[in-house]
């Protein structure tokens, strides 16, 4: 498995995507949200990658997360929190 890298998310910048943060299978799952990624960047202490939806709102993925990717989806698993952070191409 790969680790979180900013350049892996560059293909989603300015694109309409679906995002979700959820736990493991069988757990309650937050709804998928339609978003547009404005930019990505490291947080000030360089421990998380911030995925911004505008100038103020973002979610932060720990850099130590394990990443898996396909053509349609980027997913990072934070084993310490037991959470998945997922960005998926929006289905037209």
PDB file of N, CA and C in Angstrom:
ATOM      1  N   UNK A   1       0.834  -1.197   0.000  1.00  0.00           N
ATOM      2  CA  UNK A   1       0.000   0.000   0.000  1.00  0.00           C
ATOM      3  C   UNK A   1       0.867   1.243   0.000  1.00  0.00           C
ATOM      4  N   UNK A   2       0.353   2.252  -0.640  1.00  0.00           N
ATOM      5  CA  UNK A   2       1.034   3.543  -0.695  1.00  0.00           C
ATOM      6  C   UNK A   2       0.631   4.400   0.491  1.00  0.00           C
ATOM      7  N   UNK A   3       1.372   5.470   0.696  1.00  0.00           N
ATOM      8  CA  UNK A   3       1.042   6.477   1.697  1.00  0.00           C
ATOM      9  C   UNK A   3       0.426   7.680   0.992  1.00  0.00           C
ATOM     10  N   UNK A   4      -0.147   8.588   1.760  1.00  0.00           N
ATOM     11  CA  UNK A   4      -0.796   9.775   1.224  1.00  0.00           C
ATOM     12  C   UNK A   4       0.240  10.687   0.557  1.00  0.00           C
ATOM     13  N   UNK A   5      -0.062  11.063  -0.694  1.00  0.00           N
ATOM     14  CA  UNK A   5       0.795  11.993  -1.442  1.00  0.00           C
ATOM     15  C   UNK A   5      -0.102  13.037  -2.106  1.00  0.00           C
ATOM     16  N   UNK A   6       0.282  14.280  -1.962  1.00  0.00           N
ATOM     17  CA  UNK A   6      -0.498  15.380  -2.515  1.00  0.00           C
ATOM     18  C   UNK A   6      -0.724  15.235  -4.011  1.00  0.00           C
ATOM     19  N   UNK A   7       0.304  14.836  -4.737  1.00  0.00           N
ATOM     20  CA  UNK A   7       0.184  14.764  -6.196  1.00  0.00           C
ATOM     21  C   UNK A   7      -0.857  13.743  -6.659  1.00  0.00           C
ATOM     22  N   UNK A   8      -1.188  12.765  -5.831  1.00  0.00           N
ATOM     23  CA  UNK A   8      -2.203  11.780  -6.215  1.00  0.00           C
ATOM     24  C   UNK A   8      -3.596  12.394  -6.299  1.00  0.00           C
ATOM     25  N   UNK A   9      -3.815  13.498  -5.596  1.00  0.00           N
ATOM     26  CA  UNK A   9      -5.133  14.130  -5.584  1.00  0.00           C
ATOM     27  C   UNK A   9      -5.247  15.286  -6.567  1.00  0.00           C
ATOM     28  N   UNK A  10      -4.151  15.659  -7.208  1.00  0.00           N
ATOM     29  CA  UNK A  10      -4.188  16.780  -8.148  1.00  0.00           C
ATOM     30  C   UNK A  10      -5.195  16.572  -9.265  1.00  0.00           C
ATOM     31  N   UNK A  11      -5.428  15.335  -9.667  1.00  0.00           N
ATOM     32  CA  UNK A  11      -6.372  15.078 -10.773  1.00  0.00           C
ATOM     33  C   UNK A  11      -7.815  15.419 -10.398  1.00  0.00           C
ATOM     34  N   UNK A  12      -8.099  15.556  -9.100  1.00  0.00           N
ATOM     35  CA  UNK A  12      -9.451  15.879  -8.656  1.00  0.00           C
ATOM     36  C   UNK A  12      -9.684  17.378  -8.465  1.00  0.00           C
ATOM     37  N   UNK A  13      -8.629  18.189  -8.521  1.00  0.00           N
ATOM     38  CA  UNK A  13      -8.781  19.628  -8.301  1.00  0.00           C
ATOM     39  C   UNK A  13      -9.657  20.224  -9.393  1.00  0.00           C
ATOM     40  N   UNK A  14     -10.627  21.036  -8.956  1.00  0.00           N
ATOM     41  CA  UNK A  14     -11.604  21.710  -9.825  1.00  0.00           C
ATOM     42  C   UNK A  14     -12.605  20.743 -10.436  1.00  0.00           C
ATOM     43  N   UNK A  15     -12.621  19.512  -9.972  1.00  0.00           N
ATOM     44  CA  UNK A  15     -13.566  18.517 -10.465  1.00  0.00           C
ATOM     45  C   UNK A  15     -14.712  18.322  -9.470  1.00  0.00           C
ATOM     46  N   UNK A  16     -15.875  17.986  -9.978  1.00  0.00           N
ATOM     47  CA  UNK A  16     -16.994  17.597  -9.130  1.00  0.00           C
ATOM     48  C   UNK A  16     -16.782  16.149  -8.715  1.00  0.00           C
ATOM     49  N   UNK A  17     -16.796  15.904  -7.428  1.00  0.00           N
ATOM     50  CA  UNK A  17     -16.541  14.575  -6.898  1.00  0.00           C
ATOM     51  C   UNK A  17     -17.557  14.253  -5.805  1.00  0.00           C
ATOM     52  N   UNK A  18     -17.541  13.011  -5.380  1.00  0.00           N
ATOM     53  CA  UNK A  18     -18.276  12.587  -4.194  1.00  0.00           C
ATOM     54  C   UNK A  18     -17.234  12.281  -3.134  1.00  0.00           C
ATOM     55  N   UNK A  19     -17.504  12.712  -1.885  1.00  0.00           N
ATOM     56  CA  UNK A  19     -16.585  12.451  -0.783  1.00  0.00           C
ATOM     57  C   UNK A  19     -17.338  11.828   0.377  1.00  0.00           C
ATOM     58  N   UNK A  20     -16.609  11.020   1.144  1.00  0.00           N
ATOM     59  CA  UNK A  20     -17.200  10.384   2.310  1.00  0.00           C
ATOM     60  C   UNK A  20     -16.086  10.004   3.275  1.00  0.00           C
ATOM     61  N   UNK A  21     -16.370  10.130   4.559  1.00  0.00           N
ATOM     62  CA  UNK A  21     -15.499   9.611   5.610  1.00  0.00           C
ATOM     63  C   UNK A  21     -16.340   8.584   6.362  1.00  0.00           C
ATOM     64  N   UNK A  22     -15.811   7.359   6.483  1.00  0.00           N
ATOM     65  CA  UNK A  22     -16.606   6.322   7.141  1.00  0.00           C
ATOM     66  C   UNK A  22     -15.710   5.328   7.859  1.00  0.00           C
ATOM     67  N   UNK A  23     -16.325   4.553   8.734  1.00  0.00           N
ATOM     68  CA  UNK A  23     -15.624   3.483   9.432  1.00  0.00           C
ATOM     69  C   UNK A  23     -15.639   2.221   8.587  1.00  0.00           C
ATOM     70  N   UNK A  24     -15.399   1.099   9.224  1.00  0.00           N
ATOM     71  CA  UNK A  24     -15.353  -0.182   8.531  1.00  0.00           C
ATOM     72  C   UNK A  24     -16.714  -0.655   8.078  1.00  0.00           C
ATOM     73  N   UNK A  25     -16.713  -1.748   7.338  1.00  0.00           N
ATOM     74  CA  UNK A  25     -17.963  -2.328   6.856  1.00  0.00           C
ATOM     75  C   UNK A  25     -18.833  -2.719   8.034  1.00  0.00           C
ATOM     76  N   UNK A  26     -20.132  -2.516   7.884  1.00  0.00           N
ATOM     77  CA  UNK A  26     -21.079  -2.875   8.920  1.00  0.00           C
ATOM     78  C   UNK A  26     -21.290  -1.764   9.940  1.00  0.00           C
ATOM     79  N   UNK A  27     -20.493  -0.703   9.880  1.00  0.00           N
ATOM     80  CA  UNK A  27     -20.679   0.434  10.776  1.00  0.00           C
ATOM     81  C   UNK A  27     -21.572   1.468  10.112  1.00  0.00           C
ATOM     82  N   UNK A  28     -22.090   2.387  10.922  1.00  0.00           N
ATOM     83  CA  UNK A  28     -22.854   3.490  10.363  1.00  0.00           C
ATOM     84  C   UNK A  28     -21.971   4.266   9.395  1.00  0.00           C
ATOM     85  N   UNK A  29     -22.581   4.759   8.347  1.00  0.00           N
ATOM     86  CA  UNK A  29     -21.813   5.456   7.317  1.00  0.00           C
ATOM     87  C   UNK A  29     -22.438   6.814   7.047  1.00  0.00           C
ATOM     88  N   UNK A  30     -21.602   7.839   6.994  1.00  0.00           N
ATOM     89  CA  UNK A  30     -22.076   9.171   6.630  1.00  0.00           C
ATOM     90  C   UNK A  30     -22.497   9.153   5.169  1.00  0.00           C
ATOM     91  N   UNK A  31     -23.378  10.063   4.785  1.00  0.00           N
ATOM     92  CA  UNK A  31     -23.796  10.097   3.373  1.00  0.00           C
ATOM     93  C   UNK A  31     -22.662  10.608   2.482  1.00  0.00           C
ATOM     94  N   UNK A  32     -22.697  10.176   1.238  1.00  0.00           N
ATOM     95  CA  UNK A  32     -21.782  10.726   0.238  1.00  0.00           C
ATOM     96  C   UNK A  32     -22.213  12.148  -0.052  1.00  0.00           C
ATOM     97  N   UNK A  33     -21.250  13.056  -0.134  1.00  0.00           N
ATOM     98  CA  UNK A  33     -21.535  14.450  -0.425  1.00  0.00           C
ATOM     99  C   UNK A  33     -20.943  14.831  -1.773  1.00  0.00           C
ATOM    100  N   UNK A  34     -21.703  15.604  -2.535  1.00  0.00           N
ATOM    101  CA  UNK A  34     -21.203  16.143  -3.802  1.00  0.00           C
ATOM    102  C   UNK A  34     -20.412  17.404  -3.485  1.00  0.00           C
ATOM    103  N   UNK A  35     -19.147  17.412  -3.887  1.00  0.00           N
ATOM    104  CA  UNK A  35     -18.256  18.546  -3.608  1.00  0.00           C
ATOM    105  C   UNK A  35     -17.415  18.845  -4.835  1.00  0.00           C
ATOM    106  N   UNK A  36     -16.774  20.003  -4.806  1.00  0.00           N
ATOM    107  CA  UNK A  36     -15.775  20.378  -5.803  1.00  0.00           C
ATOM    108  C   UNK A  36     -14.510  20.687  -5.023  1.00  0.00           C
ATOM    109  N   UNK A  37     -13.432  20.000  -5.341  1.00  0.00           N
ATOM    110  CA  UNK A  37     -12.175  20.206  -4.623  1.00  0.00           C
ATOM    111  C   UNK A  37     -11.491  21.449  -5.187  1.00  0.00           C
ATOM    112  N   UNK A  38     -11.211  22.388  -4.304  1.00  0.00           N
ATOM    113  CA  UNK A  38     -10.569  23.643  -4.724  1.00  0.00           C
ATOM    114  C   UNK A  38      -9.052  23.497  -4.755  1.00  0.00           C
ATOM    115  N   UNK A  39      -8.497  22.870  -3.709  1.00  0.00           N
ATOM    116  CA  UNK A  39      -7.045  22.689  -3.645  1.00  0.00           C
ATOM    117  C   UNK A  39      -6.714  21.660  -2.582  1.00  0.00           C
ATOM    118  N   UNK A  40      -5.485  21.193  -2.583  1.00  0.00           N
ATOM    119  CA  UNK A  40      -4.975  20.306  -1.551  1.00  0.00           C
ATOM    120  C   UNK A  40      -3.641  20.869  -1.073  1.00  0.00           C
ATOM    121  N   UNK A  41      -3.335  20.632   0.194  1.00  0.00           N
ATOM    122  CA  UNK A  41      -2.076  21.126   0.736  1.00  0.00           C
ATOM    123  C   UNK A  41      -1.820  20.562   2.118  1.00  0.00           C
ATOM    124  N   UNK A  42      -0.581  20.618   2.534  1.00  0.00           N
ATOM    125  CA  UNK A  42      -0.208  20.112   3.852  1.00  0.00           C
ATOM    126  C   UNK A  42      -0.667  21.064   4.945  1.00  0.00           C
ATOM    127  N   UNK A  43      -1.013  20.503   6.100  1.00  0.00           N
ATOM    128  CA  UNK A  43      -1.346  21.332   7.253  1.00  0.00           C
ATOM    129  C   UNK A  43      -0.042  21.929   7.816  1.00  0.00           C
ATOM    130  N   UNK A  44      -0.138  22.946   8.663  1.00  0.00           N
ATOM    131  CA  UNK A  44       1.073  23.607   9.162  1.00  0.00           C
ATOM    132  C   UNK A  44       2.078  22.691   9.849  1.00  0.00           C
ATOM    133  N   UNK A  45       1.610  21.663  10.561  1.00  0.00           N
ATOM    134  CA  UNK A  45       2.566  20.776  11.241  1.00  0.00           C
ATOM    135  C   UNK A  45       3.015  19.602  10.372  1.00  0.00           C
ATOM    136  N   UNK A  46       2.570  19.599   9.096  1.00  0.00           N
ATOM    137  CA  UNK A  46       3.014  18.612   8.095  1.00  0.00           C
ATOM    138  C   UNK A  46       2.671  17.164   8.467  1.00  0.00           C
ATOM    139  N   UNK A  47       1.558  16.958   9.185  1.00  0.00           N
ATOM    140  CA  UNK A  47       1.129  15.607   9.556  1.00  0.00           C
ATOM    141  C   UNK A  47      -0.102  15.135   8.780  1.00  0.00           C
ATOM    142  N   UNK A  48      -0.819  16.081   8.163  1.00  0.00           N
ATOM    143  CA  UNK A  48      -2.051  15.765   7.449  1.00  0.00           C
ATOM    144  C   UNK A  48      -2.062  16.477   6.099  1.00  0.00           C
ATOM    145  N   UNK A  49      -2.784  15.893   5.170  1.00  0.00           N
ATOM    146  CA  UNK A  49      -3.054  16.539   3.896  1.00  0.00           C
ATOM    147  C   UNK A  49      -4.469  17.097   3.956  1.00  0.00           C
ATOM    148  N   UNK A  50      -4.600  18.379   3.735  1.00  0.00           N
ATOM    149  CA  UNK A  50      -5.914  19.019   3.742  1.00  0.00           C
ATOM    150  C   UNK A  50      -6.480  19.022   2.332  1.00  0.00           C
ATOM    151  N   UNK A  51      -7.737  18.609   2.229  1.00  0.00           N
ATOM    152  CA  UNK A  51      -8.471  18.623   0.969  1.00  0.00           C
ATOM    153  C   UNK A  51      -9.533  19.706   1.114  1.00  0.00           C
ATOM    154  N   UNK A  52      -9.311  20.849   0.446  1.00  0.00           N
ATOM    155  CA  UNK A  52     -10.176  22.021   0.594  1.00  0.00           C
ATOM    156  C   UNK A  52     -11.314  22.009  -0.416  1.00  0.00           C
ATOM    157  N   UNK A  53     -12.506  22.396   0.086  1.00  0.00           N
ATOM    158  CA  UNK A  53     -13.686  22.523  -0.765  1.00  0.00           C
ATOM    159  C   UNK A  53     -13.982  23.988  -1.076  1.00  0.00           C
ATOM    160  N   UNK A  54     -13.427  24.885  -0.289  1.00  0.00           N
ATOM    161  CA  UNK A  54     -13.456  26.329  -0.536  1.00  0.00           C
ATOM    162  C   UNK A  54     -12.293  26.907   0.260  1.00  0.00           C
ATOM    163  N   UNK A  55     -12.311  28.209   0.536  1.00  0.00           N
ATOM    164  CA  UNK A  55     -11.182  28.813   1.235  1.00  0.00           C
ATOM    165  C   UNK A  55     -11.115  28.458   2.725  1.00  0.00           C
ATOM    166  N   UNK A  56     -12.191  27.897   3.283  1.00  0.00           N
ATOM    167  CA  UNK A  56     -12.235  27.638   4.717  1.00  0.00           C
ATOM    168  C   UNK A  56     -12.503  26.181   5.100  1.00  0.00           C
ATOM    169  N   UNK A  57     -13.276  25.465   4.305  1.00  0.00           N
ATOM    170  CA  UNK A  57     -13.709  24.124   4.683  1.00  0.00           C
ATOM    171  C   UNK A  57     -12.876  23.045   3.990  1.00  0.00           C
ATOM    172  N   UNK A  58     -12.459  22.081   4.785  1.00  0.00           N
ATOM    173  CA  UNK A  58     -11.614  20.997   4.288  1.00  0.00           C
ATOM    174  C   UNK A  58     -11.796  19.788   5.190  1.00  0.00           C
ATOM    175  N   UNK A  59     -11.302  18.624   4.728  1.00  0.00           N
ATOM    176  CA  UNK A  59     -11.048  17.534   5.659  1.00  0.00           C
ATOM    177  C   UNK A  59      -9.585  17.191   5.557  1.00  0.00           C
ATOM    178  N   UNK A  60      -9.055  16.690   6.664  1.00  0.00           N
ATOM    179  CA  UNK A  60      -7.617  16.443   6.762  1.00  0.00           C
ATOM    180  C   UNK A  60      -7.365  14.944   6.910  1.00  0.00           C
ATOM    181  N   UNK A  61      -6.516  14.423   6.046  1.00  0.00           N
ATOM    182  CA  UNK A  61      -6.182  13.000   6.023  1.00  0.00           C
ATOM    183  C   UNK A  61      -4.771  12.824   6.580  1.00  0.00           C
ATOM    184  N   UNK A  62      -4.595  11.989   7.614  1.00  0.00           N
ATOM    185  CA  UNK A  62      -3.241  11.765   8.137  1.00  0.00           C
ATOM    186  C   UNK A  62      -2.308  11.232   7.046  1.00  0.00           C
ATOM    187  N   UNK A  63      -1.114  11.785   6.973  1.00  0.00           N
ATOM    188  CA  UNK A  63      -0.148  11.351   5.964  1.00  0.00           C
ATOM    189  C   UNK A  63       0.258   9.895   6.142  1.00  0.00           C
ATOM    190  N   UNK A  64       0.096   9.360   7.337  1.00  0.00           N
ATOM    191  CA  UNK A  64       0.455   7.970   7.608  1.00  0.00           C
ATOM    192  C   UNK A  64      -0.603   6.978   7.124  1.00  0.00           C
ATOM    193  N   UNK A  65      -1.721   7.473   6.587  1.00  0.00           N
ATOM    194  CA  UNK A  65      -2.793   6.595   6.117  1.00  0.00           C
ATOM    195  C   UNK A  65      -2.331   5.767   4.927  1.00  0.00           C
ATOM    196  N   UNK A  66      -2.938   4.597   4.788  1.00  0.00           N
ATOM    197  CA  UNK A  66      -2.644   3.696   3.675  1.00  0.00           C
ATOM    198  C   UNK A  66      -3.604   3.999   2.530  1.00  0.00           C
ATOM    199  N   UNK A  67      -3.061   4.248   1.352  1.00  0.00           N
ATOM    200  CA  UNK A  67      -3.847   4.683   0.200  1.00  0.00           C
ATOM    201  C   UNK A  67      -4.030   3.548  -0.795  1.00  0.00           C
ATOM    202  N   UNK A  68      -5.234   3.477  -1.338  1.00  0.00           N
ATOM    203  CA  UNK A  68      -5.483   2.615  -2.487  1.00  0.00           C
ATOM    204  C   UNK A  68      -6.192   3.478  -3.530  1.00  0.00           C
ATOM    205  N   UNK A  69      -5.903   3.208  -4.808  1.00  0.00           N
ATOM    206  CA  UNK A  69      -6.445   4.024  -5.883  1.00  0.00           C
ATOM    207  C   UNK A  69      -6.897   3.164  -7.050  1.00  0.00           C
ATOM    208  N   UNK A  70      -7.935   3.648  -7.701  1.00  0.00           N
ATOM    209  CA  UNK A  70      -8.360   3.115  -8.987  1.00  0.00           C
ATOM    210  C   UNK A  70      -8.541   4.321  -9.906  1.00  0.00           C
ATOM    211  N   UNK A  71      -8.981   4.095 -11.129  1.00  0.00           N
ATOM    212  CA  UNK A  71      -9.256   5.217 -12.020  1.00  0.00           C
ATOM    213  C   UNK A  71     -10.395   6.074 -11.500  1.00  0.00           C
ATOM    214  N   UNK A  72     -11.321   5.472 -10.771  1.00  0.00           N
ATOM    215  CA  UNK A  72     -12.518   6.169 -10.323  1.00  0.00           C
ATOM    216  C   UNK A  72     -12.465   6.662  -8.874  1.00  0.00           C
ATOM    217  N   UNK A  73     -11.499   6.166  -8.073  1.00  0.00           N
ATOM    218  CA  UNK A  73     -11.572   6.440  -6.640  1.00  0.00           C
ATOM    219  C   UNK A  73     -10.198   6.495  -5.987  1.00  0.00           C
ATOM    220  N   UNK A  74     -10.069   7.401  -5.014  1.00  0.00           N
ATOM    221  CA  UNK A  74      -8.896   7.503  -4.139  1.00  0.00           C
ATOM    222  C   UNK A  74      -9.400   7.264  -2.726  1.00  0.00           C
ATOM    223  N   UNK A  75      -8.758   6.367  -2.001  1.00  0.00           N
ATOM    224  CA  UNK A  75      -9.193   6.027  -0.646  1.00  0.00           C
ATOM    225  C   UNK A  75      -7.977   5.928   0.266  1.00  0.00           C
ATOM    226  N   UNK A  76      -8.091   6.526   1.453  1.00  0.00           N
ATOM    227  CA  UNK A  76      -7.022   6.463   2.446  1.00  0.00           C
ATOM    228  C   UNK A  76      -7.607   5.886   3.730  1.00  0.00           C
ATOM    229  N   UNK A  77      -6.910   4.920   4.330  1.00  0.00           N
ATOM    230  CA  UNK A  77      -7.367   4.304   5.569  1.00  0.00           C
ATOM    231  C   UNK A  77      -6.430   4.692   6.706  1.00  0.00           C
ATOM    232  N   UNK A  78      -7.001   5.339   7.721  1.00  0.00           N
ATOM    233  CA  UNK A  78      -6.266   5.698   8.932  1.00  0.00           C
ATOM    234  C   UNK A  78      -6.510   4.597   9.961  1.00  0.00           C
ATOM    235  N   UNK A  79      -5.540   3.719  10.131  1.00  0.00           N
ATOM    236  CA  UNK A  79      -5.747   2.564  11.012  1.00  0.00           C
ATOM    237  C   UNK A  79      -5.856   2.959  12.478  1.00  0.00           C
ATOM    238  N   UNK A  80      -5.288   4.097  12.852  1.00  0.00           N
ATOM    239  CA  UNK A  80      -5.379   4.545  14.250  1.00  0.00           C
ATOM    240  C   UNK A  80      -6.785   4.992  14.610  1.00  0.00           C
ATOM    241  N   UNK A  81      -7.441   5.690  13.708  1.00  0.00           N
ATOM    242  CA  UNK A  81      -8.812   6.142  13.943  1.00  0.00           C
ATOM    243  C   UNK A  81      -9.843   5.147  13.420  1.00  0.00           C
ATOM    244  N   UNK A  82      -9.404   4.216  12.561  1.00  0.00           N
ATOM    245  CA  UNK A  82     -10.329   3.259  11.965  1.00  0.00           C
ATOM    246  C   UNK A  82     -11.259   3.900  10.951  1.00  0.00           C
ATOM    247  N   UNK A  83     -10.772   4.949  10.266  1.00  0.00           N
ATOM    248  CA  UNK A  83     -11.597   5.680   9.311  1.00  0.00           C
ATOM    249  C   UNK A  83     -11.046   5.603   7.894  1.00  0.00           C
ATOM    250  N   UNK A  84     -11.961   5.588   6.946  1.00  0.00           N
ATOM    251  CA  UNK A  84     -11.639   5.679   5.524  1.00  0.00           C
ATOM    252  C   UNK A  84     -12.027   7.071   5.042  1.00  0.00           C
ATOM    253  N   UNK A  85     -11.159   7.681   4.250  1.00  0.00           N
ATOM    254  CA  UNK A  85     -11.409   8.973   3.598  1.00  0.00           C
ATOM    255  C   UNK A  85     -11.448   8.667   2.109  1.00  0.00           C
ATOM    256  N   UNK A  86     -12.580   8.945   1.473  1.00  0.00           N
ATOM    257  CA  UNK A  86     -12.750   8.506   0.088  1.00  0.00           C
ATOM    258  C   UNK A  86     -13.151   9.685  -0.804  1.00  0.00           C
ATOM    259  N   UNK A  87     -12.493   9.779  -1.949  1.00  0.00           N
ATOM    260  CA  UNK A  87     -12.837  10.728  -3.002  1.00  0.00           C
ATOM    261  C   UNK A  87     -13.121   9.898  -4.244  1.00  0.00           C
ATOM    262  N   UNK A  88     -14.279  10.111  -4.823  1.00  0.00           N
ATOM    263  CA  UNK A  88     -14.724   9.304  -5.964  1.00  0.00           C
ATOM    264  C   UNK A  88     -15.164  10.220  -7.097  1.00  0.00           C
ATOM    265  N   UNK A  89     -14.831   9.863  -8.322  1.00  0.00           N
ATOM    266  CA  UNK A  89     -15.340  10.602  -9.472  1.00  0.00           C
ATOM    267  C   UNK A  89     -16.852  10.634  -9.399  1.00  0.00           C
ATOM    268  N   UNK A  90     -17.416  11.783  -9.683  1.00  0.00           N
ATOM    269  CA  UNK A  90     -18.863  11.907  -9.659  1.00  0.00           C
ATOM    270  C   UNK A  90     -19.429  11.231 -10.886  1.00  0.00           C
ATOM    271  N   UNK A  91     -20.388  10.369 -10.657  1.00  0.00           N
ATOM    272  CA  UNK A  91     -21.027   9.664 -11.770  1.00  0.00           C
ATOM    273  C   UNK A  91     -22.005  10.578 -12.455  1.00  0.00           C
ATOM    274  N   UNK A  92     -21.855  10.707 -13.713  1.00  0.00           N
ATOM    275  CA  UNK A  92     -22.745  11.605 -14.479  1.00  0.00           C
ATOM    276  C   UNK A  92     -24.018  10.896 -14.847  1.00  0.00           C
TER     277      UNK A  92
END
